[in-house]
Amino acid sequence: MTTETHVLRPHRHLLASGVIAALALTTPLFAVAYWLTIGSGGWQITLAVHVLVAVVAILAVLQFRRTKVVVSPEGVRERGFLGRVSEIPEREIGALCLVEIYRDNALDTQPNLFILDRAGVPSIRLRGQYWSRADMEDLADVLDRPLVGPEESVTLSELRSTQPGWLYWFERIPLLTWM
C-alpha cells in the first residue's frame, strides 16, 4: 500500500481532438457568416456570436483541465467534466470492479472501473475512453484493494441486463446506445 496521493487526469488527446473538431466545425461556418454579413453591415452580430462561441470553448477547455480523480489512502474524489464532485472514503469502499466492455460495433474492449460502496452501489466509474488502465491499476494500488470482476469481456447489453444500476441513465436505454 502506498501512502501517496495520486492525481489522475483524463487522456490528453481528448482535449486536442475536441479543439480540432470545434475549429473544423466553426472556422468554415464563421468564414461564410463574415463573408455574407460584411457587405450588409451585419458583421457585428456575427462577431458577437463568434466571441460567445469562443468564450464557451474556453470554458469547456478549463472544465476539461479541472477534471480529475484524486486517490489517496483516505479514499477517492472525482471532479467530473461538468463540475460534479463524487467522493467515497476508503472505509466505505466495498470493491473495485474492473469490467472489460466491448466497444460498440467493434471486437476490442475498453476497461471500466466501478468503485462500489459496501452495499454494492457504484459511487465512481472510470471509463476507458477517458482514463487509462494504468490509472485504474494505480488507483487499486493506492487503495490497497484487488481489482475484481468477470473474467470474460461483456457487452453493454449484458451489463445492462445484469447490473443496470452500474450504468449511466442513457446507457440503460438501448435505443440511445445503438449509435
N, C-alpha and C. Protein backbone atom coordinates (compact mmCIF):
# COMPACT_ATOMS: atom_id res chain seq x y z
N MET A 1 0.84 -1.18 0.00
CA MET A 1 0.00 0.00 0.00
C MET A 1 0.89 1.25 0.00
N THR A 2 0.54 2.17 -0.82
CA THR A 2 1.29 3.42 -0.88
C THR A 2 0.59 4.48 -0.04
N THR A 3 1.36 5.39 0.51
CA THR A 3 0.76 6.44 1.33
C THR A 3 0.64 7.75 0.57
N GLU A 4 0.96 7.71 -0.71
CA GLU A 4 0.93 8.92 -1.53
C GLU A 4 -0.48 9.23 -2.02
N THR A 5 -0.64 10.48 -2.40
CA THR A 5 -1.85 10.90 -3.08
C THR A 5 -1.54 10.96 -4.57
N HIS A 6 -2.40 10.36 -5.38
CA HIS A 6 -2.23 10.37 -6.83
C HIS A 6 -3.35 11.19 -7.46
N VAL A 7 -2.99 12.01 -8.40
CA VAL A 7 -3.98 12.77 -9.17
C VAL A 7 -4.02 12.19 -10.57
N LEU A 8 -5.16 11.65 -10.93
CA LEU A 8 -5.35 11.04 -12.24
C LEU A 8 -6.07 12.03 -13.14
N ARG A 9 -5.61 12.12 -14.37
CA ARG A 9 -6.20 13.05 -15.35
C ARG A 9 -6.67 12.26 -16.56
N PRO A 10 -7.71 12.75 -17.24
CA PRO A 10 -8.19 12.06 -18.44
C PRO A 10 -7.12 12.10 -19.55
N HIS A 11 -7.30 11.22 -20.54
CA HIS A 11 -6.38 11.18 -21.67
C HIS A 11 -6.19 12.58 -22.26
N ARG A 12 -4.95 12.95 -22.51
CA ARG A 12 -4.65 14.27 -23.06
C ARG A 12 -5.17 14.46 -24.48
N HIS A 13 -5.16 13.38 -25.26
CA HIS A 13 -5.56 13.51 -26.66
C HIS A 13 -7.03 13.92 -26.81
N LEU A 14 -7.83 13.72 -25.77
CA LEU A 14 -9.24 14.12 -25.86
C LEU A 14 -9.39 15.63 -26.00
N LEU A 15 -8.56 16.37 -25.29
CA LEU A 15 -8.62 17.83 -25.38
C LEU A 15 -8.22 18.29 -26.78
N ALA A 16 -7.13 17.75 -27.29
CA ALA A 16 -6.68 18.13 -28.63
C ALA A 16 -7.73 17.77 -29.68
N SER A 17 -8.30 16.59 -29.57
CA SER A 17 -9.34 16.17 -30.52
C SER A 17 -10.55 17.09 -30.46
N GLY A 18 -10.94 17.47 -29.26
CA GLY A 18 -12.09 18.37 -29.10
C GLY A 18 -11.83 19.74 -29.69
N VAL A 19 -10.64 20.27 -29.46
CA VAL A 19 -10.30 21.60 -30.01
C VAL A 19 -10.26 21.54 -31.54
N ILE A 20 -9.65 20.50 -32.08
CA ILE A 20 -9.58 20.36 -33.54
C ILE A 20 -10.98 20.23 -34.13
N ALA A 21 -11.83 19.45 -33.51
CA ALA A 21 -13.20 19.28 -34.01
C ALA A 21 -13.97 20.60 -33.95
N ALA A 22 -13.82 21.34 -32.86
CA ALA A 22 -14.51 22.63 -32.74
C ALA A 22 -14.03 23.61 -33.80
N LEU A 23 -12.72 23.66 -34.02
CA LEU A 23 -12.19 24.54 -35.06
C LEU A 23 -12.65 24.12 -36.45
N ALA A 24 -12.66 22.81 -36.71
CA ALA A 24 -13.09 22.32 -38.02
C ALA A 24 -14.57 22.63 -38.28
N LEU A 25 -15.35 22.67 -37.23
CA LEU A 25 -16.77 22.98 -37.38
C LEU A 25 -17.03 24.48 -37.49
N THR A 26 -16.38 25.26 -36.65
CA THR A 26 -16.71 26.68 -36.58
C THR A 26 -15.97 27.56 -37.58
N THR A 27 -14.76 27.21 -37.95
CA THR A 27 -13.99 28.08 -38.85
C THR A 27 -14.70 28.30 -40.19
N PRO A 28 -15.10 27.23 -40.90
CA PRO A 28 -15.80 27.49 -42.17
C PRO A 28 -17.15 28.18 -41.97
N LEU A 29 -17.82 27.84 -40.90
CA LEU A 29 -19.12 28.45 -40.61
C LEU A 29 -19.00 29.96 -40.41
N PHE A 30 -18.05 30.36 -39.59
CA PHE A 30 -17.89 31.79 -39.35
C PHE A 30 -17.27 32.51 -40.55
N ALA A 31 -16.42 31.83 -41.31
CA ALA A 31 -15.88 32.45 -42.53
C ALA A 31 -17.00 32.81 -43.49
N VAL A 32 -17.93 31.90 -43.67
CA VAL A 32 -19.08 32.17 -44.55
C VAL A 32 -19.97 33.26 -43.95
N ALA A 33 -20.18 33.18 -42.64
CA ALA A 33 -21.04 34.19 -41.99
C ALA A 33 -20.43 35.59 -42.14
N TYR A 34 -19.13 35.72 -41.95
CA TYR A 34 -18.49 37.03 -42.14
C TYR A 34 -18.59 37.48 -43.60
N TRP A 35 -18.35 36.57 -44.51
CA TRP A 35 -18.40 36.89 -45.94
C TRP A 35 -19.79 37.39 -46.34
N LEU A 36 -20.82 36.77 -45.77
CA LEU A 36 -22.19 37.17 -46.11
C LEU A 36 -22.64 38.47 -45.41
N THR A 37 -22.06 38.77 -44.25
CA THR A 37 -22.55 39.91 -43.47
C THR A 37 -21.67 41.16 -43.57
N ILE A 38 -20.44 41.03 -44.02
CA ILE A 38 -19.54 42.20 -44.09
C ILE A 38 -20.11 43.28 -44.99
N GLY A 39 -20.64 42.90 -46.12
CA GLY A 39 -21.16 43.89 -47.07
C GLY A 39 -22.45 44.54 -46.63
N SER A 40 -23.26 43.83 -45.84
CA SER A 40 -24.56 44.37 -45.44
C SER A 40 -24.50 45.11 -44.10
N GLY A 41 -23.38 45.07 -43.44
CA GLY A 41 -23.24 45.77 -42.17
C GLY A 41 -23.68 44.97 -40.96
N GLY A 42 -24.03 43.72 -41.14
CA GLY A 42 -24.46 42.88 -40.02
C GLY A 42 -23.35 42.07 -39.40
N TRP A 43 -22.11 42.41 -39.73
CA TRP A 43 -20.98 41.63 -39.23
C TRP A 43 -20.81 41.73 -37.72
N GLN A 44 -21.36 42.78 -37.10
CA GLN A 44 -21.22 42.93 -35.64
C GLN A 44 -21.94 41.79 -34.90
N ILE A 45 -23.09 41.39 -35.45
CA ILE A 45 -23.81 40.27 -34.83
C ILE A 45 -22.99 38.98 -34.98
N THR A 46 -22.42 38.80 -36.16
CA THR A 46 -21.58 37.62 -36.40
C THR A 46 -20.39 37.63 -35.44
N LEU A 47 -19.78 38.80 -35.26
CA LEU A 47 -18.64 38.91 -34.34
C LEU A 47 -19.08 38.59 -32.91
N ALA A 48 -20.23 39.09 -32.50
CA ALA A 48 -20.73 38.83 -31.14
C ALA A 48 -20.97 37.33 -30.92
N VAL A 49 -21.56 36.67 -31.90
CA VAL A 49 -21.79 35.23 -31.80
C VAL A 49 -20.45 34.49 -31.78
N HIS A 50 -19.51 34.94 -32.60
CA HIS A 50 -18.18 34.32 -32.66
C HIS A 50 -17.48 34.44 -31.31
N VAL A 51 -17.55 35.60 -30.70
CA VAL A 51 -16.95 35.81 -29.37
C VAL A 51 -17.63 34.91 -28.34
N LEU A 52 -18.96 34.82 -28.41
CA LEU A 52 -19.69 33.96 -27.48
C LEU A 52 -19.26 32.50 -27.63
N VAL A 53 -19.13 32.03 -28.85
CA VAL A 53 -18.69 30.65 -29.10
C VAL A 53 -17.26 30.46 -28.58
N ALA A 54 -16.40 31.44 -28.77
CA ALA A 54 -15.02 31.34 -28.27
C ALA A 54 -15.00 31.27 -26.74
N VAL A 55 -15.83 32.06 -26.09
CA VAL A 55 -15.89 32.04 -24.62
C VAL A 55 -16.38 30.67 -24.13
N VAL A 56 -17.41 30.13 -24.77
CA VAL A 56 -17.90 28.80 -24.40
C VAL A 56 -16.81 27.76 -24.60
N ALA A 57 -16.07 27.85 -25.69
CA ALA A 57 -14.97 26.91 -25.95
C ALA A 57 -13.89 27.01 -24.89
N ILE A 58 -13.55 28.23 -24.50
CA ILE A 58 -12.54 28.43 -23.46
C ILE A 58 -13.02 27.85 -22.13
N LEU A 59 -14.29 28.06 -21.81
CA LEU A 59 -14.85 27.49 -20.58
C LEU A 59 -14.81 25.95 -20.62
N ALA A 60 -15.09 25.38 -21.79
CA ALA A 60 -15.04 23.92 -21.92
C ALA A 60 -13.62 23.41 -21.71
N VAL A 61 -12.64 24.10 -22.25
CA VAL A 61 -11.24 23.70 -22.07
C VAL A 61 -10.86 23.78 -20.59
N LEU A 62 -11.27 24.85 -19.92
CA LEU A 62 -10.98 24.99 -18.49
C LEU A 62 -11.65 23.88 -17.68
N GLN A 63 -12.90 23.55 -18.02
CA GLN A 63 -13.59 22.46 -17.33
C GLN A 63 -12.86 21.14 -17.54
N PHE A 64 -12.41 20.88 -18.75
CA PHE A 64 -11.67 19.66 -19.03
C PHE A 64 -10.40 19.60 -18.18
N ARG A 65 -9.70 20.72 -18.10
CA ARG A 65 -8.45 20.76 -17.34
C ARG A 65 -8.67 20.59 -15.84
N ARG A 66 -9.87 20.90 -15.37
CA ARG A 66 -10.18 20.73 -13.94
C ARG A 66 -10.66 19.32 -13.62
N THR A 67 -10.97 18.52 -14.65
CA THR A 67 -11.45 17.16 -14.45
C THR A 67 -10.31 16.30 -13.92
N LYS A 68 -10.58 15.60 -12.82
CA LYS A 68 -9.52 14.76 -12.23
C LYS A 68 -10.12 13.79 -11.22
N VAL A 69 -9.32 12.81 -10.88
CA VAL A 69 -9.63 11.89 -9.80
C VAL A 69 -8.45 11.93 -8.85
N VAL A 70 -8.72 12.21 -7.59
CA VAL A 70 -7.68 12.25 -6.58
C VAL A 70 -7.84 11.00 -5.73
N VAL A 71 -6.76 10.20 -5.70
CA VAL A 71 -6.78 8.94 -4.96
C VAL A 71 -5.74 9.01 -3.86
N SER A 72 -6.17 8.70 -2.66
CA SER A 72 -5.26 8.66 -1.52
C SER A 72 -5.68 7.49 -0.64
N PRO A 73 -4.85 7.14 0.32
CA PRO A 73 -5.25 6.06 1.23
C PRO A 73 -6.55 6.37 1.99
N GLU A 74 -6.95 7.64 2.01
CA GLU A 74 -8.19 8.03 2.69
C GLU A 74 -9.43 7.81 1.83
N GLY A 75 -9.27 7.70 0.51
CA GLY A 75 -10.42 7.49 -0.36
C GLY A 75 -10.21 8.05 -1.75
N VAL A 76 -11.33 8.21 -2.46
CA VAL A 76 -11.30 8.66 -3.85
C VAL A 76 -12.25 9.83 -4.00
N ARG A 77 -11.77 10.84 -4.73
CA ARG A 77 -12.60 12.01 -5.01
C ARG A 77 -12.50 12.32 -6.50
N GLU A 78 -13.66 12.36 -7.17
CA GLU A 78 -13.70 12.63 -8.60
C GLU A 78 -14.36 13.97 -8.84
N ARG A 79 -13.73 14.77 -9.67
CA ARG A 79 -14.34 16.00 -10.14
C ARG A 79 -14.58 15.82 -11.63
N GLY A 80 -15.86 15.68 -11.99
CA GLY A 80 -16.24 15.41 -13.37
C GLY A 80 -16.17 16.63 -14.25
N PHE A 81 -16.36 16.41 -15.54
CA PHE A 81 -16.27 17.47 -16.54
C PHE A 81 -17.27 18.60 -16.27
N LEU A 82 -18.45 18.26 -15.85
CA LEU A 82 -19.47 19.28 -15.61
C LEU A 82 -19.41 19.84 -14.19
N GLY A 83 -18.35 19.50 -13.46
CA GLY A 83 -18.15 20.07 -12.13
C GLY A 83 -18.69 19.24 -10.99
N ARG A 84 -19.37 18.15 -11.30
CA ARG A 84 -19.92 17.29 -10.24
C ARG A 84 -18.79 16.63 -9.48
N VAL A 85 -18.88 16.66 -8.16
CA VAL A 85 -17.87 16.04 -7.31
C VAL A 85 -18.48 14.81 -6.65
N SER A 86 -17.80 13.67 -6.83
CA SER A 86 -18.19 12.42 -6.18
C SER A 86 -17.06 12.00 -5.27
N GLU A 87 -17.42 11.54 -4.10
CA GLU A 87 -16.39 11.18 -3.13
C GLU A 87 -16.80 9.91 -2.41
N ILE A 88 -15.81 9.07 -2.13
CA ILE A 88 -16.06 7.89 -1.32
C ILE A 88 -14.86 7.66 -0.41
N PRO A 89 -15.08 7.69 0.90
CA PRO A 89 -13.98 7.42 1.83
C PRO A 89 -13.53 5.95 1.73
N GLU A 90 -12.29 5.71 2.04
CA GLU A 90 -11.71 4.37 1.93
C GLU A 90 -12.51 3.34 2.74
N ARG A 91 -12.97 3.71 3.91
CA ARG A 91 -13.68 2.77 4.77
C ARG A 91 -15.04 2.35 4.19
N GLU A 92 -15.57 3.13 3.24
CA GLU A 92 -16.86 2.81 2.63
C GLU A 92 -16.73 2.06 1.32
N ILE A 93 -15.51 1.90 0.81
CA ILE A 93 -15.31 1.20 -0.45
C ILE A 93 -15.48 -0.29 -0.23
N GLY A 94 -16.39 -0.88 -1.00
CA GLY A 94 -16.62 -2.31 -0.89
C GLY A 94 -15.77 -3.11 -1.86
N ALA A 95 -15.70 -2.66 -3.10
CA ALA A 95 -14.94 -3.40 -4.11
C ALA A 95 -14.55 -2.47 -5.25
N LEU A 96 -13.50 -2.86 -5.93
CA LEU A 96 -13.08 -2.20 -7.17
C LEU A 96 -13.31 -3.23 -8.28
N CYS A 97 -14.33 -3.01 -9.07
CA CYS A 97 -14.73 -3.98 -10.08
C CYS A 97 -14.30 -3.48 -11.46
N LEU A 98 -13.37 -4.21 -12.07
CA LEU A 98 -12.88 -3.88 -13.41
C LEU A 98 -13.59 -4.76 -14.42
N VAL A 99 -14.33 -4.13 -15.32
CA VAL A 99 -15.11 -4.86 -16.32
C VAL A 99 -14.64 -4.42 -17.70
N GLU A 100 -14.29 -5.40 -18.53
CA GLU A 100 -13.94 -5.12 -19.92
C GLU A 100 -15.24 -5.13 -20.72
N ILE A 101 -15.59 -3.99 -21.30
CA ILE A 101 -16.83 -3.86 -22.05
C ILE A 101 -16.48 -3.70 -23.53
N TYR A 102 -17.13 -4.52 -24.36
CA TYR A 102 -16.92 -4.40 -25.80
C TYR A 102 -17.37 -3.02 -26.26
N ARG A 103 -16.55 -2.40 -27.09
CA ARG A 103 -16.93 -1.13 -27.69
C ARG A 103 -18.01 -1.38 -28.72
N ASP A 104 -18.85 -0.38 -28.94
CA ASP A 104 -19.95 -0.53 -29.89
C ASP A 104 -19.42 -0.91 -31.26
N ASN A 105 -20.02 -1.94 -31.82
CA ASN A 105 -19.72 -2.40 -33.18
C ASN A 105 -18.22 -2.67 -33.40
N ALA A 106 -17.56 -3.21 -32.39
CA ALA A 106 -16.13 -3.49 -32.51
C ALA A 106 -15.80 -4.77 -31.74
N LEU A 107 -14.65 -5.32 -32.03
CA LEU A 107 -14.22 -6.52 -31.33
C LEU A 107 -13.30 -6.21 -30.15
N ASP A 108 -12.83 -4.98 -30.06
CA ASP A 108 -11.95 -4.63 -28.94
C ASP A 108 -12.79 -4.15 -27.75
N THR A 109 -12.15 -4.15 -26.61
CA THR A 109 -12.83 -3.79 -25.37
C THR A 109 -12.18 -2.56 -24.73
N GLN A 110 -12.92 -1.99 -23.81
CA GLN A 110 -12.38 -0.89 -23.01
C GLN A 110 -12.62 -1.22 -21.54
N PRO A 111 -11.62 -0.94 -20.70
CA PRO A 111 -11.83 -1.19 -19.28
C PRO A 111 -12.76 -0.15 -18.67
N ASN A 112 -13.55 -0.59 -17.74
CA ASN A 112 -14.41 0.29 -16.95
C ASN A 112 -14.22 -0.10 -15.50
N LEU A 113 -13.82 0.84 -14.67
CA LEU A 113 -13.61 0.57 -13.26
C LEU A 113 -14.79 1.14 -12.48
N PHE A 114 -15.47 0.27 -11.76
CA PHE A 114 -16.58 0.68 -10.92
C PHE A 114 -16.11 0.62 -9.47
N ILE A 115 -16.18 1.74 -8.78
CA ILE A 115 -15.85 1.76 -7.36
C ILE A 115 -17.17 1.63 -6.62
N LEU A 116 -17.34 0.47 -5.98
CA LEU A 116 -18.60 0.16 -5.32
C LEU A 116 -18.49 0.40 -3.82
N ASP A 117 -19.59 0.88 -3.24
CA ASP A 117 -19.60 1.01 -1.78
C ASP A 117 -19.89 -0.36 -1.16
N ARG A 118 -19.98 -0.41 0.14
CA ARG A 118 -20.17 -1.70 0.83
C ARG A 118 -21.50 -2.36 0.48
N ALA A 119 -22.47 -1.58 0.03
CA ALA A 119 -23.77 -2.13 -0.37
C ALA A 119 -23.77 -2.58 -1.84
N GLY A 120 -22.66 -2.38 -2.55
CA GLY A 120 -22.58 -2.78 -3.95
C GLY A 120 -23.08 -1.72 -4.92
N VAL A 121 -23.30 -0.52 -4.43
CA VAL A 121 -23.77 0.58 -5.27
C VAL A 121 -22.55 1.34 -5.80
N PRO A 122 -22.51 1.57 -7.13
CA PRO A 122 -21.35 2.28 -7.67
C PRO A 122 -21.33 3.75 -7.24
N SER A 123 -20.19 4.18 -6.74
CA SER A 123 -20.01 5.57 -6.33
C SER A 123 -19.29 6.36 -7.41
N ILE A 124 -18.31 5.73 -8.03
CA ILE A 124 -17.50 6.39 -9.04
C ILE A 124 -17.23 5.37 -10.14
N ARG A 125 -17.22 5.86 -11.38
CA ARG A 125 -16.92 4.99 -12.52
C ARG A 125 -15.86 5.66 -13.39
N LEU A 126 -14.83 4.92 -13.71
CA LEU A 126 -13.80 5.40 -14.62
C LEU A 126 -13.95 4.61 -15.92
N ARG A 127 -14.25 5.30 -17.00
CA ARG A 127 -14.42 4.65 -18.31
C ARG A 127 -13.13 4.72 -19.10
N GLY A 128 -12.85 3.66 -19.83
CA GLY A 128 -11.63 3.54 -20.62
C GLY A 128 -11.49 4.60 -21.70
N GLN A 129 -12.60 5.22 -22.12
CA GLN A 129 -12.49 6.29 -23.11
C GLN A 129 -11.73 7.48 -22.56
N TYR A 130 -11.81 7.67 -21.25
CA TYR A 130 -11.25 8.87 -20.62
C TYR A 130 -10.04 8.58 -19.72
N TRP A 131 -10.00 7.41 -19.13
CA TRP A 131 -8.96 7.08 -18.15
C TRP A 131 -8.19 5.85 -18.63
N SER A 132 -6.91 5.82 -18.37
CA SER A 132 -6.09 4.69 -18.82
C SER A 132 -6.20 3.52 -17.84
N ARG A 133 -5.90 2.36 -18.36
CA ARG A 133 -5.89 1.16 -17.50
C ARG A 133 -4.84 1.32 -16.40
N ALA A 134 -3.71 1.94 -16.74
CA ALA A 134 -2.65 2.16 -15.74
C ALA A 134 -3.17 3.02 -14.59
N ASP A 135 -3.99 4.03 -14.91
CA ASP A 135 -4.58 4.85 -13.85
C ASP A 135 -5.49 4.01 -12.96
N MET A 136 -6.26 3.12 -13.58
CA MET A 136 -7.15 2.26 -12.80
C MET A 136 -6.36 1.33 -11.89
N GLU A 137 -5.26 0.80 -12.40
CA GLU A 137 -4.41 -0.07 -11.59
C GLU A 137 -3.71 0.70 -10.48
N ASP A 138 -3.29 1.95 -10.77
CA ASP A 138 -2.70 2.80 -9.74
C ASP A 138 -3.69 3.06 -8.62
N LEU A 139 -4.93 3.30 -8.99
CA LEU A 139 -5.98 3.54 -8.00
C LEU A 139 -6.09 2.34 -7.06
N ALA A 140 -6.08 1.15 -7.62
CA ALA A 140 -6.16 -0.07 -6.80
C ALA A 140 -4.94 -0.21 -5.90
N ASP A 141 -3.77 0.15 -6.41
CA ASP A 141 -2.55 0.07 -5.61
C ASP A 141 -2.59 1.04 -4.44
N VAL A 142 -3.00 2.28 -4.70
CA VAL A 142 -3.05 3.28 -3.64
C VAL A 142 -4.04 2.87 -2.55
N LEU A 143 -5.18 2.33 -2.97
CA LEU A 143 -6.20 1.92 -2.00
C LEU A 143 -5.92 0.55 -1.40
N ASP A 144 -4.91 -0.15 -1.95
CA ASP A 144 -4.54 -1.49 -1.49
C ASP A 144 -5.74 -2.43 -1.54
N ARG A 145 -6.39 -2.43 -2.69
CA ARG A 145 -7.55 -3.29 -2.93
C ARG A 145 -7.33 -4.06 -4.22
N PRO A 146 -7.81 -5.29 -4.27
CA PRO A 146 -7.69 -6.04 -5.53
C PRO A 146 -8.74 -5.57 -6.53
N LEU A 147 -8.41 -5.71 -7.80
CA LEU A 147 -9.38 -5.46 -8.86
C LEU A 147 -10.11 -6.77 -9.11
N VAL A 148 -11.42 -6.75 -8.93
CA VAL A 148 -12.22 -7.95 -9.17
C VAL A 148 -13.13 -7.69 -10.35
N GLY A 149 -13.70 -8.73 -10.87
CA GLY A 149 -14.63 -8.57 -11.99
C GLY A 149 -14.73 -9.84 -12.78
N PRO A 150 -15.60 -9.83 -13.77
CA PRO A 150 -15.77 -11.04 -14.58
C PRO A 150 -14.52 -11.33 -15.40
N GLU A 151 -14.25 -12.60 -15.58
CA GLU A 151 -13.06 -12.99 -16.36
C GLU A 151 -13.27 -12.73 -17.84
N GLU A 152 -14.49 -12.82 -18.30
CA GLU A 152 -14.81 -12.62 -19.71
C GLU A 152 -15.27 -11.18 -19.94
N SER A 153 -14.99 -10.67 -21.12
CA SER A 153 -15.49 -9.36 -21.51
C SER A 153 -17.00 -9.45 -21.71
N VAL A 154 -17.69 -8.34 -21.50
CA VAL A 154 -19.14 -8.32 -21.65
C VAL A 154 -19.54 -7.21 -22.61
N THR A 155 -20.72 -7.35 -23.16
CA THR A 155 -21.27 -6.28 -23.99
C THR A 155 -22.04 -5.33 -23.09
N LEU A 156 -22.32 -4.16 -23.60
CA LEU A 156 -23.12 -3.20 -22.83
C LEU A 156 -24.50 -3.78 -22.55
N SER A 157 -25.03 -4.52 -23.50
CA SER A 157 -26.34 -5.15 -23.33
C SER A 157 -26.32 -6.16 -22.18
N GLU A 158 -25.25 -6.95 -22.09
CA GLU A 158 -25.14 -7.92 -20.99
C GLU A 158 -25.04 -7.20 -19.65
N LEU A 159 -24.25 -6.15 -19.60
CA LEU A 159 -24.12 -5.39 -18.36
C LEU A 159 -25.44 -4.72 -18.00
N ARG A 160 -26.15 -4.27 -19.00
CA ARG A 160 -27.46 -3.65 -18.79
C ARG A 160 -28.44 -4.64 -18.15
N SER A 161 -28.36 -5.89 -18.55
CA SER A 161 -29.30 -6.88 -18.01
C SER A 161 -28.87 -7.41 -16.64
N THR A 162 -27.55 -7.43 -16.36
CA THR A 162 -27.09 -7.96 -15.08
C THR A 162 -26.88 -6.90 -14.01
N GLN A 163 -26.41 -5.72 -14.40
CA GLN A 163 -26.10 -4.65 -13.44
C GLN A 163 -26.59 -3.30 -13.96
N PRO A 164 -27.87 -3.11 -14.17
CA PRO A 164 -28.33 -1.84 -14.74
C PRO A 164 -28.00 -0.63 -13.87
N GLY A 165 -27.92 -0.81 -12.58
CA GLY A 165 -27.61 0.29 -11.68
C GLY A 165 -26.19 0.82 -11.81
N TRP A 166 -25.34 0.06 -12.47
CA TRP A 166 -23.96 0.47 -12.66
C TRP A 166 -23.81 1.43 -13.83
N LEU A 167 -24.80 1.52 -14.67
CA LEU A 167 -24.69 2.29 -15.90
C LEU A 167 -25.30 3.68 -15.74
N TYR A 168 -24.85 4.59 -16.61
CA TYR A 168 -25.45 5.91 -16.65
C TYR A 168 -26.87 5.79 -17.19
N TRP A 169 -27.70 6.75 -16.92
CA TRP A 169 -29.12 6.67 -17.30
C TRP A 169 -29.29 6.42 -18.80
N PHE A 170 -28.47 7.07 -19.62
CA PHE A 170 -28.64 6.93 -21.06
C PHE A 170 -28.16 5.56 -21.56
N GLU A 171 -27.29 4.92 -20.81
CA GLU A 171 -26.83 3.58 -21.20
C GLU A 171 -27.87 2.52 -20.88
N ARG A 172 -28.81 2.84 -20.01
CA ARG A 172 -29.87 1.90 -19.65
C ARG A 172 -30.97 1.84 -20.70
N ILE A 173 -30.95 2.79 -21.64
CA ILE A 173 -31.96 2.84 -22.69
C ILE A 173 -31.29 2.38 -23.97
N PRO A 174 -31.58 1.16 -24.41
CA PRO A 174 -30.88 0.59 -25.58
C PRO A 174 -30.96 1.47 -26.82
N LEU A 175 -32.06 2.14 -27.02
CA LEU A 175 -32.23 2.96 -28.21
C LEU A 175 -31.20 4.10 -28.26
N LEU A 176 -30.77 4.60 -27.09
CA LEU A 176 -29.81 5.70 -27.05
C LEU A 176 -28.37 5.25 -27.22
N THR A 177 -28.10 3.95 -27.10
CA THR A 177 -26.71 3.47 -27.16
C THR A 177 -26.40 2.67 -28.41
N TRP A 178 -27.31 2.53 -29.31
CA TRP A 178 -27.03 1.71 -30.51
C TRP A 178 -26.17 2.44 -31.52
N MET A 179 -26.08 3.76 -31.42
CA MET A 179 -25.34 4.53 -32.41
C MET A 179 -23.86 4.39 -32.25
